[in-house]
Every structure is written in structure tokens, then in C-alpha cells.
Protein backbone atom coordinates (compact mmCIF):
# COMPACT_ATOMS: atom_id res chain seq x y z
CA MET A 1 59.98 18.77 8.63
CA THR A 2 56.95 19.61 10.76
CA SER A 3 57.16 22.89 12.75
CA LEU A 4 56.61 22.74 16.52
CA LEU A 5 55.42 26.39 16.76
CA PRO A 6 51.69 25.66 16.25
CA ILE A 7 51.84 22.93 18.88
CA MET A 8 53.71 25.10 21.46
CA ALA A 9 51.48 28.11 20.79
CA GLY A 10 48.50 26.48 22.45
CA ARG A 11 50.35 25.35 25.58
CA PRO A 12 51.31 27.43 28.66
CA LEU A 13 54.99 27.92 29.30
CA PRO A 14 56.39 25.59 31.95
CA MET A 15 57.12 27.29 35.33
CA THR A 16 60.81 26.77 35.80
CA ALA A 17 62.67 27.76 38.97
CA GLY A 18 63.97 30.92 37.29
CA ARG A 19 60.48 32.00 36.27
CA TRP A 20 59.16 31.45 39.80
CA VAL A 21 61.97 33.65 41.20
CA ALA A 22 61.22 36.40 38.66
CA LEU A 23 57.51 36.23 39.50
CA VAL A 24 58.01 36.33 43.28
CA ALA A 25 60.49 39.20 43.13
CA GLY A 26 58.95 41.17 40.28
CA VAL A 27 55.31 41.39 41.31
CA PRO A 28 55.86 43.07 44.72
CA LEU A 29 58.41 45.43 43.20
CA ALA A 30 55.99 46.42 40.42
CA LEU A 31 53.20 47.01 42.95
CA LEU A 32 55.55 49.12 45.08
CA VAL A 33 56.52 51.30 42.11
CA ILE A 34 52.89 51.71 41.06
CA GLY A 35 51.81 52.60 44.60
CA TYR A 36 54.63 55.13 45.12
CA THR A 37 53.90 56.78 41.76
CA ALA A 38 50.21 57.05 42.59
CA LEU A 39 50.97 58.46 46.05
CA THR A 40 53.30 61.08 44.60
CA ALA A 41 50.71 62.09 42.00
CA VAL A 42 48.07 62.53 44.69
CA ALA A 43 50.55 64.46 46.83
CA PHE A 44 51.33 67.04 44.16
CA ALA A 45 47.64 67.46 43.49
CA GLY A 46 47.08 68.86 47.00
CA LEU A 47 49.86 71.32 47.81
CA GLY A 48 49.80 73.41 50.95
CA SER A 49 51.96 75.94 52.76
CA TYR A 50 52.15 77.86 55.99
CA GLN A 51 54.47 80.32 57.64
CA VAL A 52 56.21 80.67 60.98
CA ASN A 53 57.22 84.06 62.40
CA LEU A 54 59.33 84.21 65.54
CA ALA A 55 61.05 87.11 67.31
CA THR A 56 62.95 87.68 70.54
CA PRO A 57 64.84 90.65 71.98
CA VAL A 58 68.65 90.76 71.97
CA ALA A 59 70.38 92.82 74.61
CA GLY A 60 74.12 92.55 75.13
CA ARG A 61 74.34 88.86 74.23
CA THR A 62 75.12 86.67 71.26
CA ALA A 63 72.14 86.26 68.94
CA VAL A 64 71.74 82.50 68.42
CA VAL A 65 69.69 80.77 65.73
CA SER A 66 69.52 76.98 65.53
CA VAL A 67 67.63 75.06 62.83
CA ASP A 68 67.80 71.28 62.75
CA SER A 69 66.52 70.75 59.19
CA GLY A 70 65.91 73.04 56.21
CA ASP A 71 67.60 75.70 54.13
CA VAL A 72 68.55 78.85 56.05
CA THR A 73 69.25 82.37 54.75
CA VAL A 74 70.84 84.89 57.12
CA ARG A 75 70.83 88.66 56.68
CA PRO A 76 71.21 91.76 58.87
CA GLY A 77 68.14 92.87 60.80
CA PRO A 78 67.04 95.67 63.11
CA ALA A 79 69.02 96.45 66.26
CA GLY A 80 67.92 94.67 69.41
CA GLN A 81 65.76 92.08 67.63
CA LEU A 82 66.37 88.51 66.49
CA ARG A 83 63.82 87.29 63.96
CA VAL A 84 63.18 84.00 62.15
CA HIS A 85 60.67 83.62 59.33
CA GLY A 86 59.82 80.15 58.06
CA ASN A 87 58.11 79.29 54.80
CA LEU A 88 57.05 75.64 54.69
CA ARG A 89 55.56 74.04 51.59
CA TYR A 90 54.17 70.53 51.64
CA SER A 91 51.79 67.94 50.24
CA LEU A 92 49.96 65.02 51.86
CA ALA A 93 51.01 65.86 55.43
CA ARG A 94 51.91 69.12 57.12
CA PRO A 95 55.50 69.11 58.47
CA GLN A 96 55.99 68.99 62.21
CA VAL A 97 57.50 72.21 63.56
CA SER A 98 58.35 73.19 67.11
CA TRP A 99 60.47 75.98 68.51
CA ARG A 100 62.02 77.37 71.65
CA ARG A 101 62.47 81.07 72.36
CA SER A 102 64.43 82.79 75.09
CA ALA A 103 66.42 85.99 75.39
CA SER A 104 68.68 86.20 72.30
CA VAL A 105 67.98 82.57 71.27
CA ILE A 106 65.61 80.97 68.74
CA ALA A 107 65.80 77.22 68.15
CA VAL A 108 63.58 75.55 65.53
CA ARG A 109 62.97 71.84 65.01
CA SER A 110 61.12 70.59 61.94
CA ARG A 111 60.69 67.37 60.01
CA CYS A 112 58.75 65.99 57.08
CA ARG A 113 56.21 63.31 58.00
CA VAL A 114 56.05 61.31 54.75
CA PRO A 115 58.78 60.42 52.22
CA ALA A 116 56.62 61.04 49.14
CA GLY A 117 55.43 64.29 47.66
CA LEU A 118 56.69 67.77 48.42
CA CYS A 119 58.26 68.96 51.66
CA LEU A 120 60.36 72.13 51.55
CA LEU A 121 61.56 73.85 54.72
CA ASP A 122 62.96 77.36 54.14
CA TYR A 123 63.95 79.77 56.91
CA THR A 124 65.20 83.36 56.91
CA ALA A 125 67.00 84.66 59.99
CA ALA A 126 67.53 88.38 60.61
CA VAL A 127 70.25 89.03 63.18
CA PRO A 128 70.99 92.48 64.65
CA ALA A 129 73.43 94.34 62.40
CA GLY A 130 76.94 94.41 63.83
CA ALA A 131 76.05 92.27 66.85
CA ARG A 132 77.72 88.99 67.80
CA SER A 133 75.74 86.19 66.15
CA SER A 134 75.79 82.41 65.77
CA VAL A 135 73.70 80.50 63.22
CA SER A 136 73.68 76.71 62.81
CA ASP A 137 71.86 74.38 60.44
CA GLY A 138 71.75 70.65 61.10
CA SER A 139 70.83 69.58 57.57
CA GLY A 140 70.31 71.91 54.61
CA ASP A 141 72.04 74.72 52.77
CA LEU A 142 73.11 77.82 54.68
CA ALA A 143 73.51 81.24 53.00
CA ALA A 144 74.60 84.47 54.69
CA SER A 145 75.24 87.97 53.35
CA GLY A 146 76.04 91.44 54.61
CA LEU A 147 76.90 90.42 58.18
CA ALA A 148 79.50 92.26 60.25
CA GLY A 149 81.30 91.71 63.54
CA SER A 150 81.74 88.35 65.23
CA VAL A 151 79.74 85.90 63.11
CA THR A 152 79.69 82.11 63.45
CA LEU A 153 78.13 79.93 60.75
CA HIS A 154 77.92 76.15 61.06
CA ASP A 155 76.31 73.47 58.90
CA GLY A 156 76.11 69.77 59.69
CA SER A 157 75.24 68.63 56.17
CA GLY A 158 74.81 71.03 53.26
CA ASP A 159 76.57 73.78 51.36
CA ILE A 160 77.48 77.16 52.87
CA THR A 161 77.52 80.37 50.84
CA ALA A 162 78.74 83.58 52.48
CA ALA A 163 79.07 86.98 50.79
CA GLY A 164 80.02 90.42 52.06
CA LEU A 165 81.01 89.35 55.57
CA SER A 166 83.28 91.65 57.55
CA GLY A 167 84.86 91.52 60.98
CA THR A 168 85.84 88.13 62.39
CA PRO A 169 83.66 85.44 60.78
CA THR A 170 84.05 81.75 61.60
CA ILE A 171 82.57 79.32 59.05
CA SER A 172 82.49 75.54 59.49
CA ASP A 173 80.87 72.65 57.63
CA GLN A 174 80.91 68.93 58.35
CA SER A 175 79.82 67.81 54.89
CA GLY A 176 79.36 70.18 51.96
CA ASP A 177 81.09 72.85 49.91
CA ILE A 178 81.90 76.31 51.26
CA VAL A 179 81.87 79.30 48.92
CA VAL A 180 82.79 82.75 50.25
CA SER A 181 83.14 86.08 48.48
CA SER A 182 84.02 89.65 49.46
CA LEU A 183 85.37 88.81 52.92
CA SER A 184 87.00 91.67 54.82
CA GLY A 185 88.06 92.47 58.35
CA THR A 186 90.79 91.48 60.77
CA ARG A 187 90.42 87.68 60.73
CA ALA A 188 88.41 84.91 59.08
CA VAL A 189 88.39 81.19 59.91
CA ILE A 190 87.01 78.58 57.48
CA MET A 191 86.84 74.85 58.29
CA ASP A 192 85.41 71.92 56.33
CA ASP A 193 85.48 68.20 57.07
CA SER A 194 84.43 67.07 53.59
CA GLY A 195 83.96 69.41 50.64
CA ASP A 196 85.66 72.07 48.54
CA ILE A 197 86.42 75.54 49.89
CA THR A 198 86.38 78.42 47.40
CA GLY A 199 87.03 82.06 48.23
CA SER A 200 87.01 85.11 45.93
CA GLY A 201 87.47 88.79 46.62
CA VAL A 202 89.07 88.07 50.00
CA ALA A 203 90.48 91.14 51.75
CA SER A 204 90.79 89.85 55.33
CA GLN A 205 94.04 90.70 57.10
CA GLY A 206 94.23 87.20 58.54
CA LEU A 207 92.83 83.96 57.12
CA THR A 208 92.90 80.41 58.49
CA VAL A 209 91.56 77.59 56.28
CA THR A 210 91.48 73.88 57.10
CA ASP A 211 89.97 71.04 55.07
CA GLN A 212 90.02 67.31 55.73
CA SER A 213 88.98 66.29 52.23
CA GLY A 214 88.52 68.67 49.31
CA ASN A 215 90.23 71.34 47.24
CA ILE A 216 90.98 74.82 48.58
CA THR A 217 91.05 77.84 46.24
CA VAL A 218 91.32 81.40 47.55
CA THR A 219 91.78 84.61 45.56
CA PHE A 220 92.81 87.75 47.44
CA THR A 221 92.10 91.35 46.50
CA LYS A 222 94.26 92.80 49.29
CA VAL A 223 97.70 91.81 50.55
CA PRO A 224 97.08 89.69 53.69
CA ASP A 225 99.19 89.81 56.84
CA ARG A 226 98.86 86.16 57.82
CA VAL A 227 97.47 83.16 55.88
CA GLN A 228 97.47 79.62 57.26
CA VAL A 229 96.10 76.81 55.09
CA SER A 230 96.01 73.09 55.87
CA ASP A 231 94.52 70.34 53.71
CA SER A 232 94.62 66.61 54.45
CA SER A 233 93.52 65.51 50.99
CA GLY A 234 93.15 67.95 48.10
CA ASP A 235 94.85 70.65 46.06
CA VAL A 236 95.55 74.13 47.46
CA THR A 237 95.55 77.19 45.20
CA LEU A 238 96.23 80.69 46.53
CA VAL A 239 96.10 83.71 44.23
CA LEU A 240 97.54 86.89 45.76
CA PRO A 241 96.99 90.39 44.38
CA PRO A 242 99.53 91.58 41.78
CA GLY A 243 102.12 94.07 42.95
CA PRO A 244 105.56 94.39 44.55
CA ALA A 245 104.58 92.99 47.97
CA ALA A 246 106.91 90.20 49.14
CA TYR A 247 105.83 87.26 51.26
CA ARG A 248 107.42 84.94 53.81
CA VAL A 249 106.27 81.63 52.33
CA SER A 250 106.29 78.16 53.84
CA ALA A 251 104.76 75.40 51.70
CA SER A 252 105.03 71.63 52.00
CA THR A 253 103.14 68.64 50.67
CA SER A 254 103.71 64.97 51.48
CA SER A 255 102.38 63.78 48.13
CA GLY A 256 102.10 66.26 45.28
CA SER A 257 103.90 69.18 43.67
CA THR A 258 104.41 72.84 44.59
CA SER A 259 104.35 76.00 42.50
CA ILE A 260 105.42 79.28 44.12
CA SER A 261 105.64 82.37 41.94
CA VAL A 262 105.33 85.33 44.29
CA PRO A 263 108.04 87.72 45.54
CA ARG A 264 109.62 86.21 48.66
CA SER A 265 111.49 87.63 51.62
CA LEU A 266 112.53 86.00 54.90
CA THR A 267 111.84 89.25 56.74
CA SER A 268 108.46 90.03 55.17
CA PRO A 269 105.60 90.80 57.59
CA HIS A 270 103.23 88.96 55.23
CA LEU A 271 103.25 85.28 56.20
CA ILE A 272 101.89 82.50 53.95
CA SER A 273 101.90 78.97 55.40
CA VAL A 274 100.46 76.03 53.43
CA THR A 275 100.58 72.31 54.24
CA SER A 276 98.97 69.39 52.43
CA GLN A 277 99.12 65.69 53.15
CA SER A 278 98.07 64.69 49.64
CA GLY A 279 97.67 67.23 46.86
CA ASP A 280 99.34 69.96 44.82
CA ILE A 281 100.11 73.47 46.12
CA SER A 282 100.07 76.59 43.95
CA ILE A 283 100.82 80.11 45.25
CA SER A 284 100.84 82.86 42.64
CA THR A 285 99.78 86.39 41.83
CA GLY A 286 97.15 87.34 39.28
CA GLN A 287 95.21 84.42 37.78
CA PRO A 288 95.15 80.79 39.04
CA GLY A 289 97.43 78.36 37.27
CA ARG A 290 100.38 80.66 36.61
CA GLY A 291 103.86 79.87 37.79
CA HIS A 292 106.41 77.08 37.40
CA ARG A 293 105.65 73.80 39.15
CA HIS A 294 108.26 72.03 41.22
CA GLY A 295 107.79 68.34 42.01
CA ARG A 296 108.14 67.24 45.58
């Protein structure tokens, strides 16, 4: 039998409909990938950076910092002064930055001009120690430490990390995880629309936590007076400090199980209220996960 391979080897392949589709779709895609890769390589070859330093006096008002895009770190600063330091790193095109300053208020707007290459927007805000302050970030991670008094932290999209806050902090996030540690003071409020909430070393007398979608885990180092937790979708775990303290506990879940293993008393001044629409509830002393579970 005569082989057809030598005959076919000298002829071009016929252009079927499938091959035409692959050619039309594949060539532009390949050129796009090659162009983007080349643009990124050129971008990283020419890195640049610049800084922004802003300050305004604070006298008897709330110190307000607003950043629309970028990571923000908040720390205590000198009395009577609100300061914002920006460190912007980029390639290809310098980011656009504008700001507005008035008494006790600094608002910063920034955006990256091109999608390729490097564009990092980092800000550090120093608010007067012990003064009333409000810091918001439209898009980016927000971190705060060592703040006292009436503190409000808000993030539109990004994670929030708060450590060593005392007084009456209010922390809210629309999309992202919230992690707090070493909270103390009379009252703390934590709210999240979508993301997990995790608290450790909490010593606040009063704590209110609400979450629309995500797990809530809080570990206390001091017996609280009043704890209110609400979760629409997610598990709730509360770990109270070991000891003889009794609690007035109210816990209910529409879909899930409950585990309560703390001393209880109907006349206790220490109130624990937990509700969940869909998820398990665990309230214990010592380490998470201890206690007998009761199906609901």
C-alpha cells in the first residue's frame, strides 16, 4: 500500500471554518499578550517615586482624614496637628494626586493612570493623641494602632487591622476582613458587610459586633459588661476569660447549632446576646471549640 504522507507533506493544509476561527481569534489575542508583556517590562525598567506631606491644625474639632484610594496606616501624632504623609511609587506614568485642606480636615484623592506596571499608593496619617478622630479609606487596606478616645475607622473595600485601641472606637468595613487586637475602654463597635471579624485580647466593657456575611470570632481577656453580636450568615465564636464570673446569656440561630459552656445566671450584670440567621454559635471560656454542642 502506498503511503499518502509524502504527498500531503508538500501541500498546504486546507483552511477549514474551524481553522479560520482559530486564526481570527488567536492572532489578536497573541498580539495583545505580547504587547502587554512588553509594556510591563518597560514599565518596571523605569521606576519612580515621590512623596506628599500635608499638615493642618486641629483645635477643638474632630480630626478627619479621607483617602479615596491606597493603603492607609494611622498612628498617634503630636497634639494640635493633623498630618498625612504619602509615599507613591510608580512606573510609566506618575499617579494623579490632589488634596483639600481645611481646619482639622485633610482629604486626598489619587489614582493610577495606566493599568500596566507598578502603582502603589501608601499613606500614613498621624492624628492628635487622645483627640476625636475619623479616618476613611475608599479602596485599600486600613491599619491603625495606639489610638485612644473616640476613633472612627471606615473602609469601603479592603481589610482593616486595628491594635491597641482604647476608648470608644467604631470600626466599619463594606468589603473586607476586620482584625482587632488589644481593645480596651468603655465601648467598641465593629461592623462588616462582607468579611470575617476576628478579635483577640479584647478588654472593652461593652462590645457590639454585626456582620452581614462572614464568621465572627472574639476572645476576651476581661469579663465584659455587655456584648451584643449579630450575624446574618456565618458562625459566631465567643471565648470569655476563665473564672467564676456568671453571664446572662441569650443565643439563637435560625439555621445552625449552639454551644454554651459558661456559668449562667438570670440576674448577672454581664449580658451576652448573640443572634445568627445562618450559622453555628459557640460561647465558652478558655480556648475556642470547647463545650457541648446543642442542635437547634
